[in-house]
């Protein structure tokens, strides 16, 4: 993968599940917003009218969600039902304290795949691609902030970046759950070793 460009490992979670039971991995954040509601109950000619108003907080998820269900056949092959999805806000969301008054506009990319692998072998999924455009500002400290000199000491550069999420899933069959240790889950440094 590194020969294709810059590669970063953003997460390396490990989960256990039973045969034919789903497992879920969620990496991201909840974005909260307020919803105002009002209810009016009217009577005849305006008599007996009452109104109630209230606010409640709701949330949307932004991040990576992976739903995976393994199925082991009689020959020890593992069928994986893999459903990754990525949600993000359409526009940058401010990190100010308090809830927003409206839900943010969201972008969602998802796929569904069913693959068969051997115990301990890798399943690789890709194709969840995004294009990001931004501006990078390079400037000389202090001089780049002065109104008369900023154009001489500041340079803006347009950046176009293509990002692809690649998932590498390695299933392992555990025959006796009592014997599972952290080392079996892929953690290398257990007990200082």
C-alpha atoms as a PDB file:
ATOM      1  CA  UNK A   1       0.000   0.000   0.000  1.00  0.00           C
ATOM      2  CA  UNK A   2       2.820   2.422   0.833  1.00  0.00           C
ATOM      3  CA  UNK A   3       3.986   2.373  -2.804  1.00  0.00           C
ATOM      4  CA  UNK A   4       0.694   4.036  -3.792  1.00  0.00           C
ATOM      5  CA  UNK A   5       1.169   7.115  -1.586  1.00  0.00           C
ATOM      6  CA  UNK A   6       1.105   8.137   2.040  1.00  0.00           C
ATOM      7  CA  UNK A   7      -0.319   5.445   4.322  1.00  0.00           C
ATOM      8  CA  UNK A   8      -1.563   5.970   7.880  1.00  0.00           C
ATOM      9  CA  UNK A   9      -3.074   3.401  10.183  1.00  0.00           C
ATOM     10  CA  UNK A  10      -5.967   5.219  11.844  1.00  0.00           C
ATOM     11  CA  UNK A  11      -7.230   2.366  13.973  1.00  0.00           C
ATOM     12  CA  UNK A  12      -6.404  -1.230  14.776  1.00  0.00           C
ATOM     13  CA  UNK A  13      -9.309  -2.569  16.852  1.00  0.00           C
ATOM     14  CA  UNK A  14      -9.843  -6.199  17.766  1.00  0.00           C
ATOM     15  CA  UNK A  15     -13.200  -7.796  18.533  1.00  0.00           C
ATOM     16  CA  UNK A  16     -14.497 -11.258  19.324  1.00  0.00           C
ATOM     17  CA  UNK A  17     -17.862 -12.659  18.374  1.00  0.00           C
ATOM     18  CA  UNK A  18     -19.628 -15.987  18.088  1.00  0.00           C
ATOM     19  CA  UNK A  19     -20.312 -17.870  14.880  1.00  0.00           C
ATOM     20  CA  UNK A  20     -23.131 -16.148  12.920  1.00  0.00           C
ATOM     21  CA  UNK A  21     -23.279 -13.248  15.399  1.00  0.00           C
ATOM     22  CA  UNK A  22     -22.519  -9.663  14.330  1.00  0.00           C
ATOM     23  CA  UNK A  23     -19.683  -7.602  15.761  1.00  0.00           C
ATOM     24  CA  UNK A  24     -19.495  -3.824  15.430  1.00  0.00           C
ATOM     25  CA  UNK A  25     -16.597  -1.390  15.547  1.00  0.00           C
ATOM     26  CA  UNK A  26     -17.316   2.327  15.745  1.00  0.00           C
ATOM     27  CA  UNK A  27     -14.622   5.016  15.555  1.00  0.00           C
ATOM     28  CA  UNK A  28     -15.842   8.601  15.440  1.00  0.00           C
ATOM     29  CA  UNK A  29     -17.804  11.209  17.329  1.00  0.00           C
ATOM     30  CA  UNK A  30     -21.387  12.131  18.114  1.00  0.00           C
ATOM     31  CA  UNK A  31     -22.497  15.583  16.943  1.00  0.00           C
ATOM     32  CA  UNK A  32     -25.337  16.987  19.049  1.00  0.00           C
ATOM     33  CA  UNK A  33     -28.084  19.410  18.044  1.00  0.00           C
ATOM     34  CA  UNK A  34     -31.240  20.805  19.683  1.00  0.00           C
ATOM     35  CA  UNK A  35     -34.749  20.326  18.401  1.00  0.00           C
ATOM     36  CA  UNK A  36     -37.510  22.645  19.514  1.00  0.00           C
ATOM     37  CA  UNK A  37     -41.018  21.288  19.607  1.00  0.00           C
ATOM     38  CA  UNK A  38     -44.351  22.879  20.280  1.00  0.00           C
ATOM     39  CA  UNK A  39     -47.796  21.398  20.635  1.00  0.00           C
ATOM     40  CA  UNK A  40     -51.019  23.344  20.528  1.00  0.00           C
ATOM     41  CA  UNK A  41     -54.309  21.853  21.611  1.00  0.00           C
ATOM     42  CA  UNK A  42     -57.221  24.041  20.615  1.00  0.00           C
ATOM     43  CA  UNK A  43     -60.809  24.284  21.706  1.00  0.00           C
ATOM     44  CA  UNK A  44     -63.873  25.939  20.179  1.00  0.00           C
ATOM     45  CA  UNK A  45     -63.331  29.551  19.236  1.00  0.00           C
ATOM     46  CA  UNK A  46     -59.984  29.704  20.979  1.00  0.00           C
ATOM     47  CA  UNK A  47     -61.421  28.702  24.342  1.00  0.00           C
ATOM     48  CA  UNK A  48     -59.522  26.036  26.179  1.00  0.00           C
ATOM     49  CA  UNK A  49     -56.406  26.382  24.007  1.00  0.00           C
ATOM     50  CA  UNK A  50     -53.132  25.257  25.525  1.00  0.00           C
ATOM     51  CA  UNK A  51     -49.622  25.214  24.122  1.00  0.00           C
ATOM     52  CA  UNK A  52     -46.511  23.455  25.275  1.00  0.00           C
ATOM     53  CA  UNK A  53     -42.988  24.034  24.091  1.00  0.00           C
ATOM     54  CA  UNK A  54     -39.900  21.994  24.718  1.00  0.00           C
ATOM     55  CA  UNK A  55     -36.407  21.252  23.581  1.00  0.00           C
ATOM     56  CA  UNK A  56     -34.631  17.977  23.315  1.00  0.00           C
ATOM     57  CA  UNK A  57     -31.175  17.043  22.155  1.00  0.00           C
ATOM     58  CA  UNK A  58     -30.555  14.603  19.333  1.00  0.00           C
ATOM     59  CA  UNK A  59     -27.302  13.419  17.763  1.00  0.00           C
ATOM     60  CA  UNK A  60     -25.794  12.110  14.537  1.00  0.00           C
ATOM     61  CA  UNK A  61     -22.666   9.976  14.217  1.00  0.00           C
ATOM     62  CA  UNK A  62     -19.654  11.076  12.164  1.00  0.00           C
ATOM     63  CA  UNK A  63     -16.885   8.542  11.634  1.00  0.00           C
ATOM     64  CA  UNK A  64     -16.242   4.960  10.573  1.00  0.00           C
ATOM     65  CA  UNK A  65     -18.661   2.159  11.416  1.00  0.00           C
ATOM     66  CA  UNK A  66     -17.839  -1.463  10.614  1.00  0.00           C
ATOM     67  CA  UNK A  67     -20.419  -4.218  10.981  1.00  0.00           C
ATOM     68  CA  UNK A  68     -19.034  -7.709  10.425  1.00  0.00           C
ATOM     69  CA  UNK A  69     -20.652 -11.148  10.785  1.00  0.00           C
ATOM     70  CA  UNK A  70     -18.565 -14.337  10.492  1.00  0.00           C
ATOM     71  CA  UNK A  71     -19.920 -17.732   9.480  1.00  0.00           C
ATOM     72  CA  UNK A  72     -17.677 -20.791   9.803  1.00  0.00           C
ATOM     73  CA  UNK A  73     -18.408 -23.755   7.539  1.00  0.00           C
ATOM     74  CA  UNK A  74     -17.614 -27.448   8.115  1.00  0.00           C
ATOM     75  CA  UNK A  75     -14.273 -27.102   6.285  1.00  0.00           C
ATOM     76  CA  UNK A  76     -13.001 -24.279   8.515  1.00  0.00           C
ATOM     77  CA  UNK A  77     -13.505 -21.539   5.919  1.00  0.00           C
ATOM     78  CA  UNK A  78     -14.905 -18.268   7.221  1.00  0.00           C
ATOM     79  CA  UNK A  79     -17.547 -16.341   5.293  1.00  0.00           C
ATOM     80  CA  UNK A  80     -17.454 -12.680   6.327  1.00  0.00           C
ATOM     81  CA  UNK A  81     -20.383 -10.340   5.784  1.00  0.00           C
ATOM     82  CA  UNK A  82     -18.662  -6.957   5.961  1.00  0.00           C
ATOM     83  CA  UNK A  83     -20.551  -3.648   5.943  1.00  0.00           C
ATOM     84  CA  UNK A  84     -18.305  -0.595   6.399  1.00  0.00           C
ATOM     85  CA  UNK A  85     -19.704   2.931   6.291  1.00  0.00           C
ATOM     86  CA  UNK A  86     -18.153   6.362   6.647  1.00  0.00           C
ATOM     87  CA  UNK A  87     -20.179   9.409   7.602  1.00  0.00           C
ATOM     88  CA  UNK A  88     -18.854  12.938   7.770  1.00  0.00           C
ATOM     89  CA  UNK A  89     -20.214  16.450   7.823  1.00  0.00           C
ATOM     90  CA  UNK A  90     -20.614  18.218   4.496  1.00  0.00           C
ATOM     91  CA  UNK A  91     -19.137  21.417   5.928  1.00  0.00           C
ATOM     92  CA  UNK A  92     -16.734  21.828   8.848  1.00  0.00           C
ATOM     93  CA  UNK A  93     -18.624  21.859  12.148  1.00  0.00           C
ATOM     94  CA  UNK A  94     -17.528  24.345  14.773  1.00  0.00           C
ATOM     95  CA  UNK A  95     -16.339  22.885  18.050  1.00  0.00           C
ATOM     96  CA  UNK A  96     -18.016  25.557  20.162  1.00  0.00           C
ATOM     97  CA  UNK A  97     -19.616  24.555  23.436  1.00  0.00           C
ATOM     98  CA  UNK A  98     -23.312  23.763  23.444  1.00  0.00           C
ATOM     99  CA  UNK A  99     -25.596  22.068  20.990  1.00  0.00           C
ATOM    100  CA  UNK A 100     -26.339  23.347  17.492  1.00  0.00           C
ATOM    101  CA  UNK A 101     -29.871  24.373  16.534  1.00  0.00           C
ATOM    102  CA  UNK A 102     -30.021  22.289  13.354  1.00  0.00           C
ATOM    103  CA  UNK A 103     -28.539  18.920  12.385  1.00  0.00           C
ATOM    104  CA  UNK A 104     -25.417  19.142  10.227  1.00  0.00           C
ATOM    105  CA  UNK A 105     -25.607  18.079   6.586  1.00  0.00           C
ATOM    106  CA  UNK A 106     -23.982  14.669   6.316  1.00  0.00           C
ATOM    107  CA  UNK A 107     -22.182  12.681   3.605  1.00  0.00           C
ATOM    108  CA  UNK A 108     -22.345   8.895   3.825  1.00  0.00           C
ATOM    109  CA  UNK A 109     -20.307   6.339   1.907  1.00  0.00           C
ATOM    110  CA  UNK A 110     -20.927   2.662   2.461  1.00  0.00           C
ATOM    111  CA  UNK A 111     -20.463  -0.725   0.902  1.00  0.00           C
ATOM    112  CA  UNK A 112     -21.505  -4.303   1.580  1.00  0.00           C
ATOM    113  CA  UNK A 113     -19.426  -7.339   0.763  1.00  0.00           C
ATOM    114  CA  UNK A 114     -19.492 -11.078   1.403  1.00  0.00           C
ATOM    115  CA  UNK A 115     -16.136 -12.842   1.152  1.00  0.00           C
ATOM    116  CA  UNK A 116     -14.691 -16.206   2.134  1.00  0.00           C
ATOM    117  CA  UNK A 117     -11.236 -16.534   3.740  1.00  0.00           C
ATOM    118  CA  UNK A 118      -9.187 -19.110   5.605  1.00  0.00           C
ATOM    119  CA  UNK A 119      -8.465 -18.862   9.310  1.00  0.00           C
ATOM    120  CA  UNK A 120      -5.684 -16.303   9.851  1.00  0.00           C
ATOM    121  CA  UNK A 121      -5.692 -14.991   6.260  1.00  0.00           C
ATOM    122  CA  UNK A 122      -6.347 -11.353   5.338  1.00  0.00           C
ATOM    123  CA  UNK A 123      -9.437  -9.940   3.659  1.00  0.00           C
ATOM    124  CA  UNK A 124      -8.757  -6.521   2.100  1.00  0.00           C
ATOM    125  CA  UNK A 125     -11.525  -4.080   1.192  1.00  0.00           C
ATOM    126  CA  UNK A 126     -11.042  -0.719  -0.485  1.00  0.00           C
ATOM    127  CA  UNK A 127     -12.959   1.718  -2.607  1.00  0.00           C
ATOM    128  CA  UNK A 128     -14.378   4.154  -0.056  1.00  0.00           C
ATOM    129  CA  UNK A 129     -12.752   7.220  -1.626  1.00  0.00           C
ATOM    130  CA  UNK A 130     -13.159  10.914  -0.889  1.00  0.00           C
ATOM    131  CA  UNK A 131     -11.726  14.013  -2.505  1.00  0.00           C
ATOM    132  CA  UNK A 132     -10.784  16.852  -0.220  1.00  0.00           C
ATOM    133  CA  UNK A 133      -9.968  20.388  -1.289  1.00  0.00           C
ATOM    134  CA  UNK A 134      -8.466  22.952   0.995  1.00  0.00           C
ATOM    135  CA  UNK A 135      -6.122  25.886   1.309  1.00  0.00           C
ATOM    136  CA  UNK A 136      -2.776  25.907   3.080  1.00  0.00           C
ATOM    137  CA  UNK A 137      -1.396  29.262   4.215  1.00  0.00           C
ATOM    138  CA  UNK A 138       2.365  29.723   4.569  1.00  0.00           C
ATOM    139  CA  UNK A 139       3.554  33.016   6.028  1.00  0.00           C
ATOM    140  CA  UNK A 140       6.433  34.708   7.777  1.00  0.00           C
ATOM    141  CA  UNK A 141       5.507  35.181  11.447  1.00  0.00           C
ATOM    142  CA  UNK A 142       4.282  38.699  12.250  1.00  0.00           C
ATOM    143  CA  UNK A 143       5.071  40.130   8.791  1.00  0.00           C
ATOM    144  CA  UNK A 144       2.492  37.880   7.133  1.00  0.00           C
ATOM    145  CA  UNK A 145      -0.188  39.321   9.445  1.00  0.00           C
ATOM    146  CA  UNK A 146       0.449  43.005   8.675  1.00  0.00           C
ATOM    147  CA  UNK A 147      -2.129  44.394   6.209  1.00  0.00           C
ATOM    148  CA  UNK A 148       0.413  46.280   4.083  1.00  0.00           C
ATOM    149  CA  UNK A 149       2.977  43.475   3.919  1.00  0.00           C
ATOM    150  CA  UNK A 150       0.833  40.346   4.003  1.00  0.00           C
ATOM    151  CA  UNK A 151       0.966  39.737   0.239  1.00  0.00           C
ATOM    152  CA  UNK A 152       4.761  39.911   0.220  1.00  0.00           C
ATOM    153  CA  UNK A 153       5.150  37.592   3.205  1.00  0.00           C
ATOM    154  CA  UNK A 154       2.212  35.219   2.810  1.00  0.00           C
ATOM    155  CA  UNK A 155       1.470  32.507   0.266  1.00  0.00           C
ATOM    156  CA  UNK A 156      -1.760  30.502  -0.107  1.00  0.00           C
ATOM    157  CA  UNK A 157      -1.630  27.107  -1.750  1.00  0.00           C
ATOM    158  CA  UNK A 158      -4.639  25.134  -2.967  1.00  0.00           C
ATOM    159  CA  UNK A 159      -4.490  21.491  -1.877  1.00  0.00           C
ATOM    160  CA  UNK A 160      -6.376  18.655  -3.550  1.00  0.00           C
ATOM    161  CA  UNK A 161      -6.180  15.354  -1.704  1.00  0.00           C
ATOM    162  CA  UNK A 162      -7.701  11.975  -2.491  1.00  0.00           C
ATOM    163  CA  UNK A 163      -8.220   9.688   0.506  1.00  0.00           C
ATOM    164  CA  UNK A 164      -9.125   6.004   0.293  1.00  0.00           C
ATOM    165  CA  UNK A 165     -10.111   3.940   3.295  1.00  0.00           C
ATOM    166  CA  UNK A 166      -8.691   0.420   3.080  1.00  0.00           C
ATOM    167  CA  UNK A 167      -9.859  -2.183   5.588  1.00  0.00           C
ATOM    168  CA  UNK A 168      -7.742  -5.226   6.359  1.00  0.00           C
ATOM    169  CA  UNK A 169      -9.666  -7.880   8.287  1.00  0.00           C
ATOM    170  CA  UNK A 170      -7.940 -10.995   9.638  1.00  0.00           C
ATOM    171  CA  UNK A 171     -10.335 -13.520  11.197  1.00  0.00           C
ATOM    172  CA  UNK A 172      -9.137 -16.184  13.629  1.00  0.00           C
ATOM    173  CA  UNK A 173     -11.134 -19.197  14.786  1.00  0.00           C
ATOM    174  CA  UNK A 174     -10.991 -19.668  18.554  1.00  0.00           C
ATOM    175  CA  UNK A 175     -12.051 -23.188  19.482  1.00  0.00           C
ATOM    176  CA  UNK A 176     -12.159 -22.752  23.250  1.00  0.00           C
ATOM    177  CA  UNK A 177     -13.063 -19.289  24.549  1.00  0.00           C
ATOM    178  CA  UNK A 178     -11.655 -20.093  28.012  1.00  0.00           C
ATOM    179  CA  UNK A 179      -8.153 -20.216  26.553  1.00  0.00           C
ATOM    180  CA  UNK A 180      -8.278 -16.787  24.867  1.00  0.00           C
ATOM    181  CA  UNK A 181      -5.662 -14.301  26.021  1.00  0.00           C
ATOM    182  CA  UNK A 182      -4.842 -10.756  24.972  1.00  0.00           C
ATOM    183  CA  UNK A 183      -1.956 -12.178  22.964  1.00  0.00           C
ATOM    184  CA  UNK A 184      -4.494 -14.242  20.971  1.00  0.00           C
ATOM    185  CA  UNK A 185      -6.338 -11.036  20.118  1.00  0.00           C
ATOM    186  CA  UNK A 186      -3.203  -9.600  18.536  1.00  0.00           C
ATOM    187  CA  UNK A 187      -1.753  -7.626  21.425  1.00  0.00           C
ATOM    188  CA  UNK A 188       2.005  -8.171  21.317  1.00  0.00           C
ATOM    189  CA  UNK A 189       3.176  -6.615  24.584  1.00  0.00           C
ATOM    190  CA  UNK A 190       1.449  -8.492  27.369  1.00  0.00           C
ATOM    191  CA  UNK A 191       3.045  -8.776  30.826  1.00  0.00           C
ATOM    192  CA  UNK A 192       5.995  -6.609  29.770  1.00  0.00           C
ATOM    193  CA  UNK A 193       7.127  -9.032  27.033  1.00  0.00           C
END
